[in-house]
Each structure stands twice: as C-alpha cells, then as structure tokens.
Amino acid sequence: MKKCFDGGNCGEGGYCDKCLNTKPDFEGFMDEVLEHVFDGGGFDGVELQELASTFGILKTVEMQNPCGEACNCEALVGADSFPLTCYRKTY
C-alpha cells in the first residue's frame, strides 16, 4: 500500500484524489535536505529519490518492462531486473 503525501494510505490502485491534486512541496523538501546537510550529513541517489517521493516531487511507478530505448532504469540495473520500481516527476 502506498503512503499518501498527507500520511494516509492510497490503496492498491494508485494515488488517491488528494495526492493527485496536491502540488509538490519543494520548500519542505529543501528544508529537509538543508537540515540534513547542515548537520553534516549527505545523501545518495536512492535517499534523494525516497525523500522527493515523500514530498510529492516524485511518484513511484511499477514497470514490467523498459519504458523505451533510452530507459535509464534498464541502463542502471539491466533488462533482467524487471519488474522494478521507477520514479517519475509529478510536476
């Protein structure tokens, strides 16, 4: 079950109406990033994707196959790794 941007649950079918109609929280995202960095921390790509998803900047999409010739996920993990979770911009 996917987590809503507001902390609830969207269910199996995808995102709820509230999530689909919620604008990404760029300010909240940057506040979290800066707080972490100012405390001496850093982020790797996976952590940034998950954080961006939490603030509605990215959404997860379950892909059964590569999305095309220029599929970044396929280039990173290989064609044999599908199905997998990809991240897509929400804006």
C-alpha atoms as a PDB file:
ATOM      1  CA  MET A   1       0.000   0.000   0.000  1.00  0.00           C
ATOM      2  CA  LYS A   2       1.409   3.392  -0.992  1.00  0.00           C
ATOM      3  CA  LYS A   3       1.693   6.205   1.510  1.00  0.00           C
ATOM      4  CA  CYS A   4      -0.243   9.371   0.770  1.00  0.00           C
ATOM      5  CA  PHE A   5       1.570  12.670   0.729  1.00  0.00           C
ATOM      6  CA  ASP A   6      -0.552  13.573   3.774  1.00  0.00           C
ATOM      7  CA  GLY A   7       0.445  10.424   5.686  1.00  0.00           C
ATOM      8  CA  GLY A   8      -2.633   8.306   4.901  1.00  0.00           C
ATOM      9  CA  ASN A   9      -2.841   5.350   2.546  1.00  0.00           C
ATOM     10  CA  CYS A  10      -3.646   5.471  -1.155  1.00  0.00           C
ATOM     11  CA  GLY A  11      -4.510   1.807  -1.526  1.00  0.00           C
ATOM     12  CA  GLU A  12      -3.611  -0.742  -4.156  1.00  0.00           C
ATOM     13  CA  GLY A  13      -4.939   1.142  -7.175  1.00  0.00           C
ATOM     14  CA  GLY A  14      -2.506   4.044  -7.046  1.00  0.00           C
ATOM     15  CA  TYR A  15      -2.710   7.529  -5.688  1.00  0.00           C
ATOM     16  CA  CYS A  16      -5.841   8.954  -4.070  1.00  0.00           C
ATOM     17  CA  ASP A  17      -7.584  12.108  -5.307  1.00  0.00           C
ATOM     18  CA  LYS A  18      -5.922  14.175  -2.600  1.00  0.00           C
ATOM     19  CA  CYS A  19      -2.453  13.066  -3.690  1.00  0.00           C
ATOM     20  CA  LEU A  20      -3.197  13.556  -7.367  1.00  0.00           C
ATOM     21  CA  ASN A  21      -4.402  17.096  -6.672  1.00  0.00           C
ATOM     22  CA  THR A  22      -1.595  18.013  -4.267  1.00  0.00           C
ATOM     23  CA  LYS A  23       1.254  20.131  -5.539  1.00  0.00           C
ATOM     24  CA  PRO A  24       4.804  19.028  -4.758  1.00  0.00           C
ATOM     25  CA  ASP A  25       6.201  20.505  -1.548  1.00  0.00           C
ATOM     26  CA  PHE A  26       9.517  21.848  -2.846  1.00  0.00           C
ATOM     27  CA  GLU A  27      10.018  24.057   0.201  1.00  0.00           C
ATOM     28  CA  GLY A  28       9.525  21.164   2.622  1.00  0.00           C
ATOM     29  CA  PHE A  29      11.881  19.032   0.548  1.00  0.00           C
ATOM     30  CA  MET A  30      14.618  21.667   0.602  1.00  0.00           C
ATOM     31  CA  ASP A  31      14.136  22.289   4.331  1.00  0.00           C
ATOM     32  CA  GLU A  32      14.706  18.578   4.956  1.00  0.00           C
ATOM     33  CA  VAL A  33      17.743  18.448   2.651  1.00  0.00           C
ATOM     34  CA  LEU A  34      19.345  21.534   4.173  1.00  0.00           C
ATOM     35  CA  GLU A  35      18.687  20.408   7.739  1.00  0.00           C
ATOM     36  CA  HIS A  36      20.383  17.092   6.986  1.00  0.00           C
ATOM     37  CA  VAL A  37      23.319  18.733   5.180  1.00  0.00           C
ATOM     38  CA  PHE A  38      23.799  21.396   7.861  1.00  0.00           C
ATOM     39  CA  ASP A  39      24.051  18.563  10.400  1.00  0.00           C
ATOM     40  CA  GLY A  40      26.999  17.209   8.407  1.00  0.00           C
ATOM     41  CA  GLY A  41      25.074  14.526   6.536  1.00  0.00           C
ATOM     42  CA  GLY A  42      24.888  13.690   2.883  1.00  0.00           C
ATOM     43  CA  PHE A  43      22.551  11.874   0.530  1.00  0.00           C
ATOM     44  CA  ASP A  44      22.924   9.159  -2.043  1.00  0.00           C
ATOM     45  CA  GLY A  45      20.648   8.925  -5.067  1.00  0.00           C
ATOM     46  CA  VAL A  46      18.269   6.404  -3.506  1.00  0.00           C
ATOM     47  CA  GLU A  47      17.815   8.552  -0.395  1.00  0.00           C
ATOM     48  CA  LEU A  48      17.075  11.625  -2.521  1.00  0.00           C
ATOM     49  CA  GLN A  49      14.518   9.716  -4.605  1.00  0.00           C
ATOM     50  CA  GLU A  50      12.746   8.448  -1.492  1.00  0.00           C
ATOM     51  CA  LEU A  51      12.759  11.900   0.107  1.00  0.00           C
ATOM     52  CA  ALA A  52      11.459  13.506  -3.092  1.00  0.00           C
ATOM     53  CA  SER A  53       8.703  10.893  -3.183  1.00  0.00           C
ATOM     54  CA  THR A  54       7.744  11.728   0.402  1.00  0.00           C
ATOM     55  CA  PHE A  55       7.282  15.384  -0.545  1.00  0.00           C
ATOM     56  CA  GLY A  56       5.321  14.645  -3.717  1.00  0.00           C
ATOM     57  CA  ILE A  57       8.069  15.647  -6.138  1.00  0.00           C
ATOM     58  CA  LEU A  58       8.434  12.104  -7.464  1.00  0.00           C
ATOM     59  CA  LYS A  59       5.964   9.238  -7.631  1.00  0.00           C
ATOM     60  CA  THR A  60       6.744   5.561  -7.896  1.00  0.00           C
ATOM     61  CA  VAL A  61       5.638   3.546 -10.906  1.00  0.00           C
ATOM     62  CA  GLU A  62       5.875  -0.236 -11.126  1.00  0.00           C
ATOM     63  CA  MET A  63       7.342  -1.043 -14.544  1.00  0.00           C
ATOM     64  CA  GLN A  64       7.041  -4.514 -16.050  1.00  0.00           C
ATOM     65  CA  ASN A  65       9.345  -3.725 -18.987  1.00  0.00           C
ATOM     66  CA  PRO A  66      11.793  -0.998 -20.009  1.00  0.00           C
ATOM     67  CA  CYS A  67       9.963   2.200 -20.949  1.00  0.00           C
ATOM     68  CA  GLY A  68      11.828   2.648 -24.239  1.00  0.00           C
ATOM     69  CA  GLU A  69      15.191   2.750 -25.945  1.00  0.00           C
ATOM     70  CA  ALA A  70      16.552   5.374 -23.541  1.00  0.00           C
ATOM     71  CA  CYS A  71      15.313   3.705 -20.334  1.00  0.00           C
ATOM     72  CA  ASN A  72      17.583   4.898 -17.511  1.00  0.00           C
ATOM     73  CA  CYS A  73      16.470   2.099 -15.201  1.00  0.00           C
ATOM     74  CA  GLU A  74      17.403  -0.558 -17.740  1.00  0.00           C
ATOM     75  CA  ALA A  75      20.793   1.091 -18.231  1.00  0.00           C
ATOM     76  CA  LEU A  76      21.433   1.044 -14.464  1.00  0.00           C
ATOM     77  CA  VAL A  77      20.150  -2.389 -13.466  1.00  0.00           C
ATOM     78  CA  GLY A  78      19.823  -4.363 -16.702  1.00  0.00           C
ATOM     79  CA  ALA A  79      16.884  -5.736 -18.663  1.00  0.00           C
ATOM     80  CA  ASP A  80      16.698  -8.869 -16.497  1.00  0.00           C
ATOM     81  CA  SER A  81      15.814  -6.814 -13.386  1.00  0.00           C
ATOM     82  CA  PHE A  82      12.216  -6.098 -14.404  1.00  0.00           C
ATOM     83  CA  PRO A  83       9.657  -5.690 -12.947  1.00  0.00           C
ATOM     84  CA  LEU A  84      11.000  -2.839 -10.828  1.00  0.00           C
ATOM     85  CA  THR A  85      10.013   0.447  -9.249  1.00  0.00           C
ATOM     86  CA  CYS A  86      10.821   3.598 -11.216  1.00  0.00           C
ATOM     87  CA  TYR A  87      10.461   7.202 -10.108  1.00  0.00           C
ATOM     88  CA  ARG A  88       8.647   9.807 -12.222  1.00  0.00           C
ATOM     89  CA  LYS A  89       8.338  13.564 -11.756  1.00  0.00           C
ATOM     90  CA  THR A  90       4.934  14.792 -10.602  1.00  0.00           C
ATOM     91  CA  TYR A  91       5.276  18.322 -11.955  1.00  0.00           C
END
